[in-house]
Amino acid sequence: MIMNNSKSERESLLRQMGEIDAMCRGRLTEEYRERHENGESVRLGPYYKHQVWEDGHNKSRRVKADEVEHLRKGIEGMDKFKELSKDYIDASVELTEKGKIDEADAKKNSG
C-alpha cells in the first residue's frame, strides 16, 4: 500500500505503528487429536501451539486456552507492524529516488 509519499503520509504510517500495543513473534496453530472410544472416533481439542524461529531454531511450546487470545492479538499486532514498516520503507525509498532523479535532471538541464 504505497500512498502519495508525502511527509504527512509517512508520518501517518509512523503514527499507526506507534498505536500497536501488543506484539508477539511467531505463529499460533490449533491441533486436534482423535481417540477411539466404544467404537467411535472422538475429536479432542483444540490444543494450541506457539512456534517461533529463534537463534536459528524453531522453538515450540504449548499454550493454555486462556492465553490464546492475548497471543493471537500480539501476533496480529506484529504482522500489522511489519506491513506498515514495509510501506514506510517503500515510501521512503521512492521519495529518496525521486529526490535523486530531480537532482540529476537539474544538473543535466543547467548546462
N, C-alpha and C. Protein backbone atom coordinates (compact mmCIF):
# COMPACT_ATOMS: atom_id res chain seq x y z
N MET A 1 0.84 -1.18 0.00
CA MET A 1 0.00 0.00 0.00
C MET A 1 0.89 1.24 0.00
N ILE A 2 1.33 1.66 -1.16
CA ILE A 2 2.11 2.90 -1.24
C ILE A 2 1.14 4.03 -1.52
N MET A 3 1.27 5.08 -0.71
CA MET A 3 0.40 6.24 -0.85
C MET A 3 1.08 7.24 -1.78
N ASN A 4 0.71 8.50 -1.67
CA ASN A 4 1.32 9.54 -2.49
C ASN A 4 2.71 9.91 -1.99
N ASN A 5 3.15 9.35 -0.89
CA ASN A 5 4.50 9.50 -0.36
C ASN A 5 4.84 10.90 0.13
N SER A 6 3.87 11.64 0.58
CA SER A 6 4.19 12.93 1.19
C SER A 6 4.66 12.69 2.62
N LYS A 7 5.28 13.70 3.18
CA LYS A 7 5.75 13.57 4.56
C LYS A 7 4.61 13.23 5.51
N SER A 8 3.46 13.84 5.30
CA SER A 8 2.34 13.59 6.21
C SER A 8 1.86 12.14 6.13
N GLU A 9 1.94 11.54 4.95
CA GLU A 9 1.54 10.14 4.82
C GLU A 9 2.54 9.22 5.51
N ARG A 10 3.82 9.55 5.43
CA ARG A 10 4.82 8.76 6.15
C ARG A 10 4.63 8.93 7.65
N GLU A 11 4.31 10.14 8.08
CA GLU A 11 4.04 10.37 9.50
C GLU A 11 2.82 9.57 9.95
N SER A 12 1.82 9.44 9.07
CA SER A 12 0.64 8.63 9.38
C SER A 12 1.03 7.17 9.59
N LEU A 13 1.92 6.66 8.74
CA LEU A 13 2.38 5.28 8.91
C LEU A 13 3.09 5.11 10.26
N LEU A 14 3.94 6.08 10.61
CA LEU A 14 4.64 6.02 11.90
C LEU A 14 3.65 6.07 13.07
N ARG A 15 2.63 6.91 12.93
CA ARG A 15 1.62 7.02 13.99
C ARG A 15 0.89 5.69 14.15
N GLN A 16 0.52 5.08 13.03
CA GLN A 16 -0.17 3.79 13.08
C GLN A 16 0.71 2.72 13.73
N MET A 17 2.00 2.73 13.43
CA MET A 17 2.91 1.78 14.06
C MET A 17 2.96 2.01 15.57
N GLY A 18 2.96 3.28 15.97
CA GLY A 18 3.02 3.61 17.39
C GLY A 18 1.76 3.24 18.16
N GLU A 19 0.66 3.07 17.46
CA GLU A 19 -0.61 2.73 18.10
C GLU A 19 -0.74 1.23 18.38
N ILE A 20 0.17 0.44 17.86
CA ILE A 20 0.10 -1.00 18.09
C ILE A 20 0.66 -1.29 19.49
N ASP A 21 -0.21 -1.81 20.34
CA ASP A 21 0.17 -2.03 21.74
C ASP A 21 0.82 -3.39 22.01
N ALA A 22 0.35 -4.41 21.33
CA ALA A 22 0.83 -5.76 21.63
C ALA A 22 1.51 -6.36 20.40
N MET A 23 2.67 -6.97 20.61
CA MET A 23 3.36 -7.66 19.53
C MET A 23 4.01 -8.93 20.07
N CYS A 24 3.83 -10.01 19.32
CA CYS A 24 4.47 -11.28 19.63
C CYS A 24 5.01 -11.87 18.34
N ARG A 25 6.16 -12.48 18.44
CA ARG A 25 6.73 -13.17 17.27
C ARG A 25 6.11 -14.55 17.14
N GLY A 26 6.17 -15.09 15.93
CA GLY A 26 5.82 -16.48 15.73
C GLY A 26 4.44 -16.70 15.14
N ARG A 27 4.01 -17.94 15.22
CA ARG A 27 2.72 -18.39 14.70
C ARG A 27 2.02 -19.24 15.74
N LEU A 28 0.72 -19.18 15.70
CA LEU A 28 -0.11 -19.95 16.61
C LEU A 28 -0.90 -20.95 15.77
N THR A 29 -0.83 -22.21 16.15
CA THR A 29 -1.58 -23.22 15.42
C THR A 29 -2.51 -23.99 16.37
N GLU A 30 -3.60 -24.48 15.78
CA GLU A 30 -4.54 -25.33 16.51
C GLU A 30 -4.30 -26.76 16.08
N GLU A 31 -4.34 -27.64 17.03
CA GLU A 31 -4.20 -29.06 16.71
C GLU A 31 -5.36 -29.81 17.35
N TYR A 32 -5.75 -30.87 16.68
CA TYR A 32 -6.80 -31.74 17.21
C TYR A 32 -6.26 -33.16 17.23
N ARG A 33 -6.80 -33.96 18.12
CA ARG A 33 -6.43 -35.36 18.20
C ARG A 33 -7.69 -36.21 18.16
N GLU A 34 -7.53 -37.39 17.66
CA GLU A 34 -8.66 -38.31 17.63
C GLU A 34 -8.38 -39.48 18.56
N ARG A 35 -9.43 -39.87 19.24
CA ARG A 35 -9.33 -41.03 20.13
C ARG A 35 -10.55 -41.90 19.85
N HIS A 36 -10.35 -43.17 19.91
CA HIS A 36 -11.45 -44.09 19.67
C HIS A 36 -12.02 -44.58 20.99
N GLU A 37 -13.29 -44.35 21.17
CA GLU A 37 -14.00 -44.79 22.38
C GLU A 37 -15.26 -45.53 21.98
N ASN A 38 -15.42 -46.73 22.49
CA ASN A 38 -16.62 -47.52 22.24
C ASN A 38 -16.92 -47.64 20.74
N GLY A 39 -15.87 -47.82 19.95
CA GLY A 39 -16.04 -47.99 18.52
C GLY A 39 -16.29 -46.70 17.75
N GLU A 40 -16.27 -45.58 18.43
CA GLU A 40 -16.48 -44.29 17.76
C GLU A 40 -15.22 -43.44 17.87
N SER A 41 -15.06 -42.59 16.89
CA SER A 41 -13.93 -41.67 16.88
C SER A 41 -14.36 -40.37 17.55
N VAL A 42 -13.59 -39.96 18.55
CA VAL A 42 -13.88 -38.73 19.28
C VAL A 42 -12.76 -37.72 19.00
N ARG A 43 -13.15 -36.53 18.59
CA ARG A 43 -12.18 -35.48 18.30
C ARG A 43 -11.91 -34.68 19.57
N LEU A 44 -10.66 -34.55 19.92
CA LEU A 44 -10.26 -33.82 21.13
C LEU A 44 -9.51 -32.55 20.75
N GLY A 45 -9.72 -31.51 21.48
CA GLY A 45 -9.01 -30.26 21.21
C GLY A 45 -9.98 -29.12 21.07
N PRO A 46 -9.54 -27.99 20.67
CA PRO A 46 -8.22 -27.76 20.10
C PRO A 46 -7.14 -27.62 21.17
N TYR A 47 -5.94 -28.00 20.77
CA TYR A 47 -4.74 -27.76 21.55
C TYR A 47 -3.96 -26.72 20.77
N TYR A 48 -3.36 -25.79 21.47
CA TYR A 48 -2.68 -24.68 20.80
C TYR A 48 -1.17 -24.80 20.95
N LYS A 49 -0.48 -24.45 19.87
CA LYS A 49 0.98 -24.48 19.87
C LYS A 49 1.49 -23.16 19.30
N HIS A 50 2.45 -22.57 19.99
CA HIS A 50 3.10 -21.32 19.55
C HIS A 50 4.50 -21.68 19.09
N GLN A 51 4.80 -21.31 17.83
CA GLN A 51 6.12 -21.60 17.27
C GLN A 51 6.82 -20.29 16.92
N VAL A 52 8.11 -20.23 17.26
CA VAL A 52 8.92 -19.05 17.00
C VAL A 52 10.27 -19.50 16.46
N TRP A 53 10.74 -18.82 15.40
CA TRP A 53 12.09 -19.06 14.90
C TRP A 53 13.02 -18.18 15.71
N GLU A 54 13.92 -18.81 16.47
CA GLU A 54 14.78 -18.06 17.38
C GLU A 54 16.17 -18.70 17.42
N ASP A 55 17.18 -17.88 17.26
CA ASP A 55 18.57 -18.36 17.30
C ASP A 55 18.81 -19.52 16.33
N GLY A 56 18.21 -19.44 15.15
CA GLY A 56 18.42 -20.46 14.14
C GLY A 56 17.65 -21.76 14.37
N HIS A 57 16.73 -21.75 15.32
CA HIS A 57 15.96 -22.95 15.61
C HIS A 57 14.48 -22.62 15.73
N ASN A 58 13.66 -23.60 15.40
CA ASN A 58 12.23 -23.46 15.59
C ASN A 58 11.91 -23.89 17.03
N LYS A 59 11.42 -22.95 17.81
CA LYS A 59 11.07 -23.26 19.20
C LYS A 59 9.55 -23.34 19.29
N SER A 60 9.08 -24.32 19.99
CA SER A 60 7.66 -24.58 20.05
C SER A 60 7.24 -24.79 21.50
N ARG A 61 6.05 -24.29 21.83
CA ARG A 61 5.53 -24.50 23.18
C ARG A 61 4.02 -24.63 23.12
N ARG A 62 3.49 -25.38 24.04
CA ARG A 62 2.04 -25.50 24.18
C ARG A 62 1.51 -24.24 24.85
N VAL A 63 0.31 -23.86 24.47
CA VAL A 63 -0.30 -22.65 25.00
C VAL A 63 -1.63 -23.02 25.66
N LYS A 64 -1.84 -22.53 26.86
CA LYS A 64 -3.11 -22.76 27.54
C LYS A 64 -4.22 -21.96 26.86
N ALA A 65 -5.41 -22.48 26.90
CA ALA A 65 -6.55 -21.85 26.21
C ALA A 65 -6.76 -20.40 26.66
N ASP A 66 -6.51 -20.10 27.94
CA ASP A 66 -6.74 -18.73 28.41
C ASP A 66 -5.65 -17.75 27.96
N GLU A 67 -4.57 -18.23 27.35
CA GLU A 67 -3.50 -17.37 26.82
C GLU A 67 -3.67 -17.09 25.33
N VAL A 68 -4.53 -17.84 24.67
CA VAL A 68 -4.62 -17.82 23.20
C VAL A 68 -5.00 -16.45 22.66
N GLU A 69 -6.01 -15.82 23.20
CA GLU A 69 -6.48 -14.55 22.65
C GLU A 69 -5.41 -13.46 22.76
N HIS A 70 -4.73 -13.40 23.90
CA HIS A 70 -3.66 -12.42 24.09
C HIS A 70 -2.53 -12.66 23.09
N LEU A 71 -2.16 -13.91 22.92
CA LEU A 71 -1.08 -14.26 21.99
C LEU A 71 -1.51 -13.98 20.55
N ARG A 72 -2.73 -14.32 20.21
CA ARG A 72 -3.24 -14.08 18.86
C ARG A 72 -3.22 -12.57 18.54
N LYS A 73 -3.63 -11.77 19.51
CA LYS A 73 -3.62 -10.31 19.33
C LYS A 73 -2.20 -9.79 19.13
N GLY A 74 -1.26 -10.34 19.87
CA GLY A 74 0.14 -9.94 19.73
C GLY A 74 0.72 -10.30 18.38
N ILE A 75 0.37 -11.48 17.87
CA ILE A 75 0.85 -11.90 16.55
C ILE A 75 0.24 -11.03 15.46
N GLU A 76 -1.04 -10.71 15.59
CA GLU A 76 -1.68 -9.81 14.63
C GLU A 76 -1.04 -8.43 14.66
N GLY A 77 -0.69 -7.95 15.87
CA GLY A 77 -0.02 -6.66 16.01
C GLY A 77 1.34 -6.67 15.33
N MET A 78 2.08 -7.75 15.49
CA MET A 78 3.39 -7.86 14.85
C MET A 78 3.24 -7.88 13.33
N ASP A 79 2.26 -8.64 12.83
CA ASP A 79 2.04 -8.70 11.39
C ASP A 79 1.68 -7.33 10.83
N LYS A 80 0.82 -6.59 11.53
CA LYS A 80 0.42 -5.26 11.09
C LYS A 80 1.61 -4.31 11.11
N PHE A 81 2.43 -4.39 12.17
CA PHE A 81 3.61 -3.54 12.27
C PHE A 81 4.56 -3.80 11.11
N LYS A 82 4.79 -5.06 10.77
CA LYS A 82 5.67 -5.41 9.66
C LYS A 82 5.13 -4.85 8.35
N GLU A 83 3.83 -4.95 8.15
CA GLU A 83 3.22 -4.43 6.93
C GLU A 83 3.39 -2.91 6.83
N LEU A 84 3.12 -2.21 7.94
CA LEU A 84 3.25 -0.76 7.95
C LEU A 84 4.71 -0.33 7.77
N SER A 85 5.64 -1.05 8.41
CA SER A 85 7.05 -0.67 8.28
C SER A 85 7.54 -0.92 6.86
N LYS A 86 7.05 -1.97 6.20
CA LYS A 86 7.41 -2.20 4.80
C LYS A 86 6.89 -1.05 3.94
N ASP A 87 5.66 -0.62 4.19
CA ASP A 87 5.10 0.52 3.44
C ASP A 87 5.93 1.78 3.67
N TYR A 88 6.36 1.98 4.92
CA TYR A 88 7.18 3.15 5.25
C TYR A 88 8.51 3.10 4.50
N ILE A 89 9.14 1.93 4.50
CA ILE A 89 10.41 1.78 3.78
C ILE A 89 10.21 2.03 2.30
N ASP A 90 9.17 1.42 1.72
CA ASP A 90 8.91 1.60 0.29
C ASP A 90 8.69 3.07 -0.06
N ALA A 91 7.89 3.75 0.76
CA ALA A 91 7.61 5.17 0.52
C ALA A 91 8.88 6.01 0.66
N SER A 92 9.70 5.70 1.64
CA SER A 92 10.93 6.46 1.86
C SER A 92 11.93 6.25 0.72
N VAL A 93 12.04 5.02 0.27
CA VAL A 93 12.95 4.72 -0.84
C VAL A 93 12.47 5.45 -2.09
N GLU A 94 11.17 5.39 -2.34
CA GLU A 94 10.62 6.06 -3.52
C GLU A 94 10.88 7.57 -3.46
N LEU A 95 10.68 8.16 -2.30
CA LEU A 95 10.94 9.60 -2.16
C LEU A 95 12.42 9.91 -2.36
N THR A 96 13.27 9.08 -1.81
CA THR A 96 14.70 9.28 -1.94
C THR A 96 15.12 9.19 -3.41
N GLU A 97 14.59 8.17 -4.10
CA GLU A 97 14.92 8.02 -5.51
C GLU A 97 14.39 9.18 -6.34
N LYS A 98 13.21 9.66 -6.02
CA LYS A 98 12.68 10.82 -6.73
C LYS A 98 13.57 12.04 -6.51
N GLY A 99 14.05 12.20 -5.31
CA GLY A 99 14.94 13.31 -5.00
C GLY A 99 16.22 13.23 -5.80
N LYS A 100 16.76 12.03 -5.93
CA LYS A 100 17.99 11.85 -6.71
C LYS A 100 17.72 12.10 -8.19
N ILE A 101 16.60 11.65 -8.67
CA ILE A 101 16.25 11.87 -10.07
C ILE A 101 16.09 13.37 -10.33
N ASP A 102 15.43 14.07 -9.42
CA ASP A 102 15.26 15.51 -9.57
C ASP A 102 16.60 16.24 -9.59
N GLU A 103 17.54 15.83 -8.73
CA GLU A 103 18.87 16.46 -8.70
C GLU A 103 19.61 16.20 -10.02
N ALA A 104 19.53 14.96 -10.53
CA ALA A 104 20.23 14.62 -11.77
C ALA A 104 19.64 15.41 -12.93
N ASP A 105 18.30 15.55 -12.97
CA ASP A 105 17.66 16.31 -14.04
C ASP A 105 18.05 17.77 -13.98
N ALA A 106 18.16 18.32 -12.78
CA ALA A 106 18.53 19.73 -12.63
C ALA A 106 19.96 19.96 -13.15
N LYS A 107 20.87 19.00 -12.86
CA LYS A 107 22.24 19.15 -13.34
C LYS A 107 22.30 19.04 -14.85
N LYS A 108 21.52 18.10 -15.43
CA LYS A 108 21.52 17.92 -16.90
C LYS A 108 20.99 19.17 -17.60
N ASN A 109 19.97 19.77 -17.02
CA ASN A 109 19.32 20.91 -17.67
C ASN A 109 20.00 22.25 -17.38
N SER A 110 20.96 22.27 -16.46
CA SER A 110 21.61 23.55 -16.10
C SER A 110 22.69 23.95 -17.10
N GLY A 111 23.18 23.05 -17.89
CA GLY A 111 24.31 23.35 -18.76
C GLY A 111 23.92 23.58 -20.13
